[in-house]
Each structure stands twice: as structure tokens, then as C-alpha cells.
Amino acid sequence: MKHLSILGDDDDDPMLSAVNLVDVFLVLVVALLAAVGASSASDASAVRRAGQPDMELVVREHGREVRFKGAGGASAGDGVRAGVAYRLADGSVVYVPEPEASGTAR
């Protein structure tokens, strides 16, 4: 009598299916890493000439490059003080808003 086998002689090892699962998971991990790398590379920022009076901040958003240039001095403009921020000993920052003046119109 002939022995009819559905499985071939090479398919007797149960570790072959485990090796195939490892290959599938390896492909999934590489695909996820590629997706994370592509999404984080699209929005990036860089500081050029840091600490110099002509310092420049370059921000890349959605494939478009936006440049912010410093004026070489302290910032100035119209506005009101909104509050005070304190850094605690553990490194956390606490913001304390200014009490609103009763006579100001907003």
C-alpha cells in the first residue's frame, strides 16, 4: 500500500510556521517604522545662528518652509501682562494669572 500524505516530507517541522510568523511581524514592524519616520519628517524645525543677533528659526510645515528672523534686540509691542510663570524645584512650571482690573474694558 502506498502512503498518501497531504503534507510533504519537508513540512514535518512545526517550527516552520513560527519562522513564517516572525517574518510577517518583521515586515509589519518595518512598515510601521517607515510610517512614523515619514510623518515626523514632514514637520520639522531648526534654529540657525543660535544666540546671534541675526538668529533665524526655520519651520517646515506640510512641505512648505517658513522662516522667522530676529530683529537683534528684545521684543517690543502692544499688550498687557497676562500673568506670571514660576518654575518649581521639581521642574514643573506653574502659571498664575494676573487679577483683572475692575476698570478695564475687554
PDB file of N, CA and C in Angstrom:
ATOM      1  N   MET A   1       0.823  -1.181   0.000  1.00  0.00           N
ATOM      2  CA  MET A   1       0.000   0.000   0.000  1.00  0.00           C
ATOM      3  C   MET A   1       0.869   1.248   0.000  1.00  0.00           C
ATOM      4  N   LYS A   2       0.464   2.164  -0.777  1.00  0.00           N
ATOM      5  CA  LYS A   2       1.182   3.428  -0.806  1.00  0.00           C
ATOM      6  C   LYS A   2       0.655   4.345   0.285  1.00  0.00           C
ATOM      7  N   HIS A   3       1.574   5.101   0.832  1.00  0.00           N
ATOM      8  CA  HIS A   3       1.205   6.070   1.874  1.00  0.00           C
ATOM      9  C   HIS A   3       0.929   7.404   1.200  1.00  0.00           C
ATOM     10  N   LEU A   4      -0.292   7.869   1.266  1.00  0.00           N
ATOM     11  CA  LEU A   4      -0.674   9.149   0.668  1.00  0.00           C
ATOM     12  C   LEU A   4      -0.642  10.212   1.761  1.00  0.00           C
ATOM     13  N   SER A   5       0.207  11.185   1.600  1.00  0.00           N
ATOM     14  CA  SER A   5       0.355  12.222   2.609  1.00  0.00           C
ATOM     15  C   SER A   5       0.009  13.590   2.013  1.00  0.00           C
ATOM     16  N   ILE A   6      -0.803  14.311   2.728  1.00  0.00           N
ATOM     17  CA  ILE A   6      -1.128  15.672   2.283  1.00  0.00           C
ATOM     18  C   ILE A   6       0.079  16.579   2.489  1.00  0.00           C
ATOM     19  N   LEU A   7       0.754  16.370   3.577  1.00  0.00           N
ATOM     20  CA  LEU A   7       1.943  17.157   3.871  1.00  0.00           C
ATOM     21  C   LEU A   7       3.157  16.495   3.240  1.00  0.00           C
ATOM     22  N   GLY A   8       4.056  17.311   2.739  1.00  0.00           N
ATOM     23  CA  GLY A   8       5.279  16.779   2.165  1.00  0.00           C
ATOM     24  C   GLY A   8       6.248  16.399   3.261  1.00  0.00           C
ATOM     25  N   ASP A   9       7.361  15.851   2.865  1.00  0.00           N
ATOM     26  CA  ASP A   9       8.371  15.444   3.838  1.00  0.00           C
ATOM     27  C   ASP A   9       8.988  16.643   4.538  1.00  0.00           C
ATOM     28  N   ASP A  10       9.054  17.792   3.858  1.00  0.00           N
ATOM     29  CA  ASP A  10       9.676  18.980   4.433  1.00  0.00           C
ATOM     30  C   ASP A  10       8.772  19.684   5.445  1.00  0.00           C
ATOM     31  N   ASP A  11       7.490  19.387   5.462  1.00  0.00           N
ATOM     32  CA  ASP A  11       6.540  20.091   6.319  1.00  0.00           C
ATOM     33  C   ASP A  11       6.335  19.416   7.667  1.00  0.00           C
ATOM     34  N   ASP A  12       7.203  18.540   8.067  1.00  0.00           N
ATOM     35  CA  ASP A  12       7.048  17.857   9.341  1.00  0.00           C
ATOM     36  C   ASP A  12       7.484  18.717  10.529  1.00  0.00           C
ATOM     37  N   ASP A  13       8.255  19.759  10.288  1.00  0.00           N
ATOM     38  CA  ASP A  13       8.802  20.577  11.361  1.00  0.00           C
ATOM     39  C   ASP A  13       7.784  21.655  11.760  1.00  0.00           C
ATOM     40  N   PRO A  14       7.305  21.651  13.018  1.00  0.00           N
ATOM     41  CA  PRO A  14       6.343  22.680  13.438  1.00  0.00           C
ATOM     42  C   PRO A  14       6.966  24.062  13.602  1.00  0.00           C
ATOM     43  N   MET A  15       8.292  24.170  13.641  1.00  0.00           N
ATOM     44  CA  MET A  15       8.952  25.470  13.790  1.00  0.00           C
ATOM     45  C   MET A  15       8.892  26.298  12.508  1.00  0.00           C
ATOM     46  N   LEU A  16       8.578  25.673  11.371  1.00  0.00           N
ATOM     47  CA  LEU A  16       8.493  26.420  10.122  1.00  0.00           C
ATOM     48  C   LEU A  16       7.374  27.453  10.169  1.00  0.00           C
ATOM     49  N   SER A  17       6.258  27.123  10.801  1.00  0.00           N
ATOM     50  CA  SER A  17       5.160  28.094  10.910  1.00  0.00           C
ATOM     51  C   SER A  17       5.546  29.241  11.834  1.00  0.00           C
ATOM     52  N   ALA A  18       6.313  28.977  12.885  1.00  0.00           N
ATOM     53  CA  ALA A  18       6.777  30.035  13.782  1.00  0.00           C
ATOM     54  C   ALA A  18       7.741  30.969  13.059  1.00  0.00           C
ATOM     55  N   VAL A  19       8.603  30.423  12.236  1.00  0.00           N
ATOM     56  CA  VAL A  19       9.534  31.246  11.461  1.00  0.00           C
ATOM     57  C   VAL A  19       8.761  32.130  10.493  1.00  0.00           C
ATOM     58  N   ASN A  20       7.719  31.612   9.891  1.00  0.00           N
ATOM     59  CA  ASN A  20       6.906  32.416   8.974  1.00  0.00           C
ATOM     60  C   ASN A  20       6.202  33.547   9.720  1.00  0.00           C
ATOM     61  N   LEU A  21       5.727  33.295  10.941  1.00  0.00           N
ATOM     62  CA  LEU A  21       5.104  34.357  11.728  1.00  0.00           C
ATOM     63  C   LEU A  21       6.105  35.440  12.087  1.00  0.00           C
ATOM     64  N   VAL A  22       7.328  35.066  12.403  1.00  0.00           N
ATOM     65  CA  VAL A  22       8.367  36.051  12.698  1.00  0.00           C
ATOM     66  C   VAL A  22       8.616  36.928  11.473  1.00  0.00           C
ATOM     67  N   ASP A  23       8.633  36.342  10.295  1.00  0.00           N
ATOM     68  CA  ASP A  23       8.820  37.115   9.067  1.00  0.00           C
ATOM     69  C   ASP A  23       7.684  38.110   8.849  1.00  0.00           C
ATOM     70  N   VAL A  24       6.468  37.685   9.105  1.00  0.00           N
ATOM     71  CA  VAL A  24       5.314  38.576   8.936  1.00  0.00           C
ATOM     72  C   VAL A  24       5.392  39.739   9.912  1.00  0.00           C
ATOM     73  N   PHE A  25       5.717  39.470  11.172  1.00  0.00           N
ATOM     74  CA  PHE A  25       5.820  40.544  12.158  1.00  0.00           C
ATOM     75  C   PHE A  25       6.982  41.483  11.846  1.00  0.00           C
ATOM     76  N   LEU A  26       8.055  40.953  11.306  1.00  0.00           N
ATOM     77  CA  LEU A  26       9.191  41.795  10.922  1.00  0.00           C
ATOM     78  C   LEU A  26       8.792  42.766   9.814  1.00  0.00           C
ATOM     79  N   VAL A  27       8.026  42.302   8.854  1.00  0.00           N
ATOM     80  CA  VAL A  27       7.551  43.185   7.781  1.00  0.00           C
ATOM     81  C   VAL A  27       6.615  44.253   8.347  1.00  0.00           C
ATOM     82  N   LEU A  28       5.745  43.892   9.281  1.00  0.00           N
ATOM     83  CA  LEU A  28       4.841  44.869   9.893  1.00  0.00           C
ATOM     84  C   LEU A  28       5.608  45.929  10.684  1.00  0.00           C
ATOM     85  N   VAL A  29       6.627  45.527  11.418  1.00  0.00           N
ATOM     86  CA  VAL A  29       7.425  46.479  12.202  1.00  0.00           C
ATOM     87  C   VAL A  29       8.149  47.453  11.277  1.00  0.00           C
ATOM     88  N   VAL A  30       8.703  46.958  10.197  1.00  0.00           N
ATOM     89  CA  VAL A  30       9.397  47.838   9.250  1.00  0.00           C
ATOM     90  C   VAL A  30       8.410  48.812   8.616  1.00  0.00           C
ATOM     91  N   ALA A  31       7.218  48.379   8.291  1.00  0.00           N
ATOM     92  CA  ALA A  31       6.209  49.266   7.709  1.00  0.00           C
ATOM     93  C   ALA A  31       5.791  50.346   8.701  1.00  0.00           C
ATOM     94  N   LEU A  32       5.605  49.977   9.973  1.00  0.00           N
ATOM     95  CA  LEU A  32       5.240  50.971  10.984  1.00  0.00           C
ATOM     96  C   LEU A  32       6.356  51.973  11.217  1.00  0.00           C
ATOM     97  N   LEU A  33       7.595  51.524  11.265  1.00  0.00           N
ATOM     98  CA  LEU A  33       8.721  52.442  11.429  1.00  0.00           C
ATOM     99  C   LEU A  33       8.835  53.397  10.249  1.00  0.00           C
ATOM    100  N   ALA A  34       8.586  52.915   9.058  1.00  0.00           N
ATOM    101  CA  ALA A  34       8.624  53.779   7.880  1.00  0.00           C
ATOM    102  C   ALA A  34       7.513  54.819   7.931  1.00  0.00           C
ATOM    103  N   ALA A  35       6.334  54.429   8.399  1.00  0.00           N
ATOM    104  CA  ALA A  35       5.219  55.372   8.508  1.00  0.00           C
ATOM    105  C   ALA A  35       5.501  56.444   9.551  1.00  0.00           C
ATOM    106  N   VAL A  36       6.063  56.064  10.693  1.00  0.00           N
ATOM    107  CA  VAL A  36       6.393  57.039  11.737  1.00  0.00           C
ATOM    108  C   VAL A  36       7.484  57.981  11.257  1.00  0.00           C
ATOM    109  N   GLY A  37       8.475  57.457  10.576  1.00  0.00           N
ATOM    110  CA  GLY A  37       9.556  58.291  10.054  1.00  0.00           C
ATOM    111  C   GLY A  37       9.068  59.271   9.006  1.00  0.00           C
ATOM    112  N   ALA A  38       8.144  58.855   8.172  1.00  0.00           N
ATOM    113  CA  ALA A  38       7.620  59.745   7.132  1.00  0.00           C
ATOM    114  C   ALA A  38       6.750  60.844   7.728  1.00  0.00           C
ATOM    115  N   SER A  39       5.993  60.532   8.771  1.00  0.00           N
ATOM    116  CA  SER A  39       5.116  61.557   9.349  1.00  0.00           C
ATOM    117  C   SER A  39       5.905  62.568  10.168  1.00  0.00           C
ATOM    118  N   SER A  40       6.972  62.132  10.852  1.00  0.00           N
ATOM    119  CA  SER A  40       7.741  63.076  11.659  1.00  0.00           C
ATOM    120  C   SER A  40       8.688  63.904  10.811  1.00  0.00           C
ATOM    121  N   ALA A  41       9.057  63.444   9.643  1.00  0.00           N
ATOM    122  CA  ALA A  41       9.966  64.208   8.789  1.00  0.00           C
ATOM    123  C   ALA A  41       9.253  65.343   8.073  1.00  0.00           C
ATOM    124  N   SER A  42       7.927  65.307   7.993  1.00  0.00           N
ATOM    125  CA  SER A  42       7.214  66.345   7.250  1.00  0.00           C
ATOM    126  C   SER A  42       7.148  67.660   8.030  1.00  0.00           C
ATOM    127  N   ASP A  43       7.074  67.617   9.345  1.00  0.00           N
ATOM    128  CA  ASP A  43       7.033  68.829  10.157  1.00  0.00           C
ATOM    129  C   ASP A  43       8.302  68.891  10.998  1.00  0.00           C
ATOM    130  N   ALA A  44       9.199  69.808  10.626  1.00  0.00           N
ATOM    131  CA  ALA A  44      10.469  69.906  11.335  1.00  0.00           C
ATOM    132  C   ALA A  44      10.809  71.371  11.551  1.00  0.00           C
ATOM    133  N   SER A  45      11.676  71.620  12.523  1.00  0.00           N
ATOM    134  CA  SER A  45      12.115  72.986  12.772  1.00  0.00           C
ATOM    135  C   SER A  45      13.604  72.969  13.076  1.00  0.00           C
ATOM    136  N   ALA A  46      14.251  74.085  12.781  1.00  0.00           N
ATOM    137  CA  ALA A  46      15.686  74.209  13.034  1.00  0.00           C
ATOM    138  C   ALA A  46      15.991  75.654  13.395  1.00  0.00           C
ATOM    139  N   VAL A  47      17.005  75.839  14.221  1.00  0.00           N
ATOM    140  CA  VAL A  47      17.452  77.171  14.608  1.00  0.00           C
ATOM    141  C   VAL A  47      18.817  77.384  13.957  1.00  0.00           C
ATOM    142  N   ARG A  48      18.938  78.445  13.205  1.00  0.00           N
ATOM    143  CA  ARG A  48      20.210  78.769  12.564  1.00  0.00           C
ATOM    144  C   ARG A  48      20.819  79.981  13.246  1.00  0.00           C
ATOM    145  N   ARG A  49      22.116  79.947  13.434  1.00  0.00           N
ATOM    146  CA  ARG A  49      22.874  81.025  14.071  1.00  0.00           C
ATOM    147  C   ARG A  49      22.309  81.325  15.455  1.00  0.00           C
ATOM    148  N   ALA A  50      22.169  80.284  16.269  1.00  0.00           N
ATOM    149  CA  ALA A  50      21.591  80.422  17.613  1.00  0.00           C
ATOM    150  C   ALA A  50      22.446  81.336  18.479  1.00  0.00           C
ATOM    151  N   GLY A  51      21.812  82.243  19.191  1.00  0.00           N
ATOM    152  CA  GLY A  51      22.489  83.159  20.091  1.00  0.00           C
ATOM    153  C   GLY A  51      23.041  84.392  19.402  1.00  0.00           C
ATOM    154  N   GLN A  52      22.992  84.445  18.104  1.00  0.00           N
ATOM    155  CA  GLN A  52      23.484  85.595  17.342  1.00  0.00           C
ATOM    156  C   GLN A  52      22.347  86.621  17.190  1.00  0.00           C
ATOM    157  N   PRO A  53      22.687  87.878  16.944  1.00  0.00           N
ATOM    158  CA  PRO A  53      21.619  88.876  16.738  1.00  0.00           C
ATOM    159  C   PRO A  53      20.765  88.595  15.504  1.00  0.00           C
ATOM    160  N   ASP A  54      21.327  87.913  14.498  1.00  0.00           N
ATOM    161  CA  ASP A  54      20.555  87.606  13.282  1.00  0.00           C
ATOM    162  C   ASP A  54      20.056  86.158  13.288  1.00  0.00           C
ATOM    163  N   MET A  55      19.683  85.660  14.464  1.00  0.00           N
ATOM    164  CA  MET A  55      19.190  84.291  14.623  1.00  0.00           C
ATOM    165  C   MET A  55      17.940  84.083  13.769  1.00  0.00           C
ATOM    166  N   GLU A  56      17.783  82.854  13.281  1.00  0.00           N
ATOM    167  CA  GLU A  56      16.668  82.550  12.384  1.00  0.00           C
ATOM    168  C   GLU A  56      16.062  81.203  12.779  1.00  0.00           C
ATOM    169  N   LEU A  57      14.746  81.127  12.804  1.00  0.00           N
ATOM    170  CA  LEU A  57      14.020  79.898  13.092  1.00  0.00           C
ATOM    171  C   LEU A  57      13.360  79.446  11.797  1.00  0.00           C
ATOM    172  N   VAL A  58      13.658  78.218  11.375  1.00  0.00           N
ATOM    173  CA  VAL A  58      13.100  77.672  10.143  1.00  0.00           C
ATOM    174  C   VAL A  58      12.160  76.542  10.522  1.00  0.00           C
ATOM    175  N   VAL A  59      10.892  76.671  10.137  1.00  0.00           N
ATOM    176  CA  VAL A  59       9.872  75.663  10.439  1.00  0.00           C
ATOM    177  C   VAL A  59       9.351  75.120   9.122  1.00  0.00           C
ATOM    178  N   ARG A  60       9.326  73.787   9.013  1.00  0.00           N
ATOM    179  CA  ARG A  60       8.811  73.152   7.805  1.00  0.00           C
ATOM    180  C   ARG A  60       7.473  72.520   8.144  1.00  0.00           C
ATOM    181  N   GLU A  61       6.411  73.030   7.528  1.00  0.00           N
ATOM    182  CA  GLU A  61       5.059  72.533   7.764  1.00  0.00           C
ATOM    183  C   GLU A  61       4.436  72.120   6.448  1.00  0.00           C
ATOM    184  N   HIS A  62       4.055  70.874   6.350  1.00  0.00           N
ATOM    185  CA  HIS A  62       3.364  70.343   5.178  1.00  0.00           C
ATOM    186  C   HIS A  62       4.139  70.621   3.894  1.00  0.00           C
ATOM    187  N   GLY A  63       5.453  70.446   3.938  1.00  0.00           N
ATOM    188  CA  GLY A  63       6.273  70.626   2.759  1.00  0.00           C
ATOM    189  C   GLY A  63       6.611  72.072   2.441  1.00  0.00           C
ATOM    190  N   ARG A  64       6.144  73.005   3.228  1.00  0.00           N
ATOM    191  CA  ARG A  64       6.403  74.427   2.997  1.00  0.00           C
ATOM    192  C   ARG A  64       7.321  74.939   4.091  1.00  0.00           C
ATOM    193  N   GLU A  65       8.317  75.722   3.720  1.00  0.00           N
ATOM    194  CA  GLU A  65       9.288  76.236   4.669  1.00  0.00           C
ATOM    195  C   GLU A  65       8.929  77.663   5.068  1.00  0.00           C
ATOM    196  N   VAL A  66       8.824  77.901   6.385  1.00  0.00           N
ATOM    197  CA  VAL A  66       8.503  79.230   6.914  1.00  0.00           C
ATOM    198  C   VAL A  66       9.691  79.676   7.753  1.00  0.00           C
ATOM    199  N   ARG A  67      10.169  80.920   7.534  1.00  0.00           N
ATOM    200  CA  ARG A  67      11.334  81.442   8.245  1.00  0.00           C
ATOM    201  C   ARG A  67      10.916  82.604   9.134  1.00  0.00           C
ATOM    202  N   PHE A  68      11.413  82.571  10.374  1.00  0.00           N
ATOM    203  CA  PHE A  68      11.197  83.653  11.319  1.00  0.00           C
ATOM    204  C   PHE A  68      12.565  84.228  11.664  1.00  0.00           C
ATOM    205  N   LYS A  69      12.735  85.527  11.459  1.00  0.00           N
ATOM    206  CA  LYS A  69      14.023  86.171  11.717  1.00  0.00           C
ATOM    207  C   LYS A  69      13.911  87.108  12.902  1.00  0.00           C
ATOM    208  N   GLY A  70      14.954  87.118  13.725  1.00  0.00           N
ATOM    209  CA  GLY A  70      15.010  88.011  14.874  1.00  0.00           C
ATOM    210  C   GLY A  70      15.429  89.405  14.445  1.00  0.00           C
ATOM    211  N   ALA A  71      15.026  90.391  15.233  1.00  0.00           N
ATOM    212  CA  ALA A  71      15.372  91.777  14.934  1.00  0.00           C
ATOM    213  C   ALA A  71      16.689  92.178  15.590  1.00  0.00           C
ATOM    214  N   GLY A  72      17.280  91.313  16.386  1.00  0.00           N
ATOM    215  CA  GLY A  72      18.547  91.609  17.011  1.00  0.00           C
ATOM    216  C   GLY A  72      18.427  92.229  18.383  1.00  0.00           C
ATOM    217  N   GLY A  73      17.231  92.463  18.856  1.00  0.00           N
ATOM    218  CA  GLY A  73      17.044  93.054  20.170  1.00  0.00           C
ATOM    219  C   GLY A  73      15.911  92.376  20.902  1.00  0.00           C
ATOM    220  N   ALA A  74      15.536  92.980  22.003  1.00  0.00           N
ATOM    221  CA  ALA A  74      14.428  92.433  22.778  1.00  0.00           C
ATOM    222  C   ALA A  74      13.120  92.712  22.052  1.00  0.00           C
ATOM    223  N   SER A  75      12.146  91.879  22.290  1.00  0.00           N
ATOM    224  CA  SER A  75      10.840  92.052  21.656  1.00  0.00           C
ATOM    225  C   SER A  75      10.120  93.249  22.251  1.00  0.00           C
ATOM    226  N   ALA A  76       9.327  93.889  21.454  1.00  0.00           N
ATOM    227  CA  ALA A  76       8.527  95.018  21.908  1.00  0.00           C
ATOM    228  C   ALA A  76       7.197  94.975  21.171  1.00  0.00           C
ATOM    229  N   GLY A  77       6.213  95.566  21.761  1.00  0.00           N
ATOM    230  CA  GLY A  77       4.909  95.595  21.123  1.00  0.00           C
ATOM    231  C   GLY A  77       3.839  96.013  22.094  1.00  0.00           C
ATOM    232  N   ASP A  78       2.631  96.109  21.592  1.00  0.00           N
ATOM    233  CA  ASP A  78       1.494  96.479  22.428  1.00  0.00           C
ATOM    234  C   ASP A  78       0.949  95.226  23.101  1.00  0.00           C
ATOM    235  N   GLY A  79       0.562  95.360  24.335  1.00  0.00           N
ATOM    236  CA  GLY A  79      -0.001  94.229  25.045  1.00  0.00           C
ATOM    237  C   GLY A  79      -0.045  94.510  26.529  1.00  0.00           C
ATOM    238  N   VAL A  80      -0.636  93.590  27.235  1.00  0.00           N
ATOM    239  CA  VAL A  80      -0.725  93.711  28.686  1.00  0.00           C
ATOM    240  C   VAL A  80      -0.137  92.462  29.312  1.00  0.00           C
ATOM    241  N   ARG A  81       0.302  92.594  30.519  1.00  0.00           N
ATOM    242  CA  ARG A  81       0.842  91.457  31.244  1.00  0.00           C
ATOM    243  C   ARG A  81      -0.306  90.505  31.587  1.00  0.00           C
ATOM    244  N   ALA A  82      -0.122  89.223  31.255  1.00  0.00           N
ATOM    245  CA  ALA A  82      -1.197  88.255  31.443  1.00  0.00           C
ATOM    246  C   ALA A  82      -1.031  87.452  32.723  1.00  0.00           C
ATOM    247  N   GLY A  83       0.155  87.405  33.265  1.00  0.00           N
ATOM    248  CA  GLY A  83       0.369  86.625  34.476  1.00  0.00           C
ATOM    249  C   GLY A  83       1.840  86.359  34.679  1.00  0.00           C
ATOM    250  N   VAL A  84       2.128  85.491  35.635  1.00  0.00           N
ATOM    251  CA  VAL A  84       3.500  85.162  35.989  1.00  0.00           C
ATOM    252  C   VAL A  84       3.638  83.645  35.988  1.00  0.00           C
ATOM    253  N   ALA A  85       4.767  83.165  35.481  1.00  0.00           N
ATOM    254  CA  ALA A  85       5.053  81.730  35.497  1.00  0.00           C
ATOM    255  C   ALA A  85       6.213  81.481  36.452  1.00  0.00           C
ATOM    256  N   TYR A  86       6.086  80.449  37.274  1.00  0.00           N
ATOM    257  CA  TYR A  86       7.117  80.071  38.241  1.00  0.00           C
ATOM    258  C   TYR A  86       7.564  78.647  37.959  1.00  0.00           C
ATOM    259  N   ARG A  87       8.886  78.409  38.004  1.00  0.00           N
ATOM    260  CA  ARG A  87       9.419  77.051  37.886  1.00  0.00           C
ATOM    261  C   ARG A  87       9.687  76.533  39.295  1.00  0.00           C
ATOM    262  N   LEU A  88       9.070  75.403  39.633  1.00  0.00           N
ATOM    263  CA  LEU A  88       9.222  74.808  40.955  1.00  0.00           C
ATOM    264  C   LEU A  88      10.493  73.961  41.023  1.00  0.00           C
ATOM    265  N   ALA A  89      10.841  73.527  42.220  1.00  0.00           N
ATOM    266  CA  ALA A  89      12.066  72.754  42.431  1.00  0.00           C
ATOM    267  C   ALA A  89      12.051  71.428  41.677  1.00  0.00           C
ATOM    268  N   ASP A  90      10.867  70.834  41.471  1.00  0.00           N
ATOM    269  CA  ASP A  90      10.797  69.566  40.753  1.00  0.00           C
ATOM    270  C   ASP A  90      10.806  69.738  39.240  1.00  0.00           C
ATOM    271  N   GLY A  91      10.895  70.971  38.747  1.00  0.00           N
ATOM    272  CA  GLY A  91      10.977  71.227  37.309  1.00  0.00           C
ATOM    273  C   GLY A  91       9.657  71.591  36.666  1.00  0.00           C
ATOM    274  N   SER A  92       8.558  71.458  37.358  1.00  0.00           N
ATOM    275  CA  SER A  92       7.270  71.806  36.773  1.00  0.00           C
ATOM    276  C   SER A  92       7.086  73.323  36.790  1.00  0.00           C
ATOM    277  N   VAL A  93       6.268  73.805  35.882  1.00  0.00           N
ATOM    278  CA  VAL A  93       6.014  75.244  35.744  1.00  0.00           C
ATOM    279  C   VAL A  93       4.570  75.522  36.127  1.00  0.00           C
ATOM    280  N   VAL A  94       4.382  76.533  36.971  1.00  0.00           N
ATOM    281  CA  VAL A  94       3.044  76.928  37.417  1.00  0.00           C
ATOM    282  C   VAL A  94       2.771  78.330  36.892  1.00  0.00           C
ATOM    283  N   TYR A  95       1.620  78.520  36.258  1.00  0.00           N
ATOM    284  CA  TYR A  95       1.209  79.820  35.739  1.00  0.00           C
ATOM    285  C   TYR A  95       0.178  80.425  36.684  1.00  0.00           C
ATOM    286  N   VAL A  96       0.420  81.674  37.096  1.00  0.00           N
ATOM    287  CA  VAL A  96      -0.505  82.383  37.975  1.00  0.00           C
ATOM    288  C   VAL A  96      -1.020  83.588  37.206  1.00  0.00           C
ATOM    289  N   PRO A  97      -2.311  83.588  36.841  1.00  0.00           N
ATOM    290  CA  PRO A  97      -2.845  84.724  36.069  1.00  0.00           C
ATOM    291  C   PRO A  97      -2.939  85.972  36.927  1.00  0.00           C
ATOM    292  N   GLU A  98      -2.822  87.110  36.271  1.00  0.00           N
ATOM    293  CA  GLU A  98      -2.954  88.395  36.947  1.00  0.00           C
ATOM    294  C   GLU A  98      -4.425  88.623  37.290  1.00  0.00           C
ATOM    295  N   PRO A  99      -4.702  89.233  38.420  1.00  0.00           N
ATOM    296  CA  PRO A  99      -6.096  89.572  38.713  1.00  0.00           C
ATOM    297  C   PRO A  99      -6.548  90.679  37.757  1.00  0.00           C
ATOM    298  N   GLU A 100      -7.757  90.543  37.271  1.00  0.00           N
ATOM    299  CA  GLU A 100      -8.270  91.527  36.307  1.00  0.00           C
ATOM    300  C   GLU A 100      -8.586  92.833  37.003  1.00  0.00           C
ATOM    301  N   ALA A 101      -8.203  93.934  36.356  1.00  0.00           N
ATOM    302  CA  ALA A 101      -8.520  95.257  36.907  1.00  0.00           C
ATOM    303  C   ALA A 101      -9.999  95.533  36.650  1.00  0.00           C
ATOM    304  N   SER A 102     -10.648  96.162  37.615  1.00  0.00           N
ATOM    305  CA  SER A 102     -12.094  96.371  37.514  1.00  0.00           C
ATOM    306  C   SER A 102     -12.463  97.450  36.500  1.00  0.00           C
ATOM    307  N   GLY A 103     -11.556  98.356  36.173  1.00  0.00           N
ATOM    308  CA  GLY A 103     -11.896  99.466  35.290  1.00  0.00           C
ATOM    309  C   GLY A 103     -11.508  99.255  33.842  1.00  0.00           C
ATOM    310  N   THR A 104     -10.946  98.125  33.456  1.00  0.00           N
ATOM    311  CA  THR A 104     -10.522  97.925  32.086  1.00  0.00           C
ATOM    312  C   THR A 104     -11.625  97.291  31.263  1.00  0.00           C
ATOM    313  N   ALA A 105     -11.742  97.771  30.034  1.00  0.00           N
ATOM    314  CA  ALA A 105     -12.731  97.204  29.102  1.00  0.00           C
ATOM    315  C   ALA A 105     -12.037  96.167  28.239  1.00  0.00           C
ATOM    316  N   ARG A 106     -12.665  95.010  28.070  1.00  0.00           N
ATOM    317  CA  ARG A 106     -12.077  93.943  27.252  1.00  0.00           C
ATOM    318  C   ARG A 106     -13.027  93.495  26.204  1.00  0.00           C
TER     319      ARG A 106
END
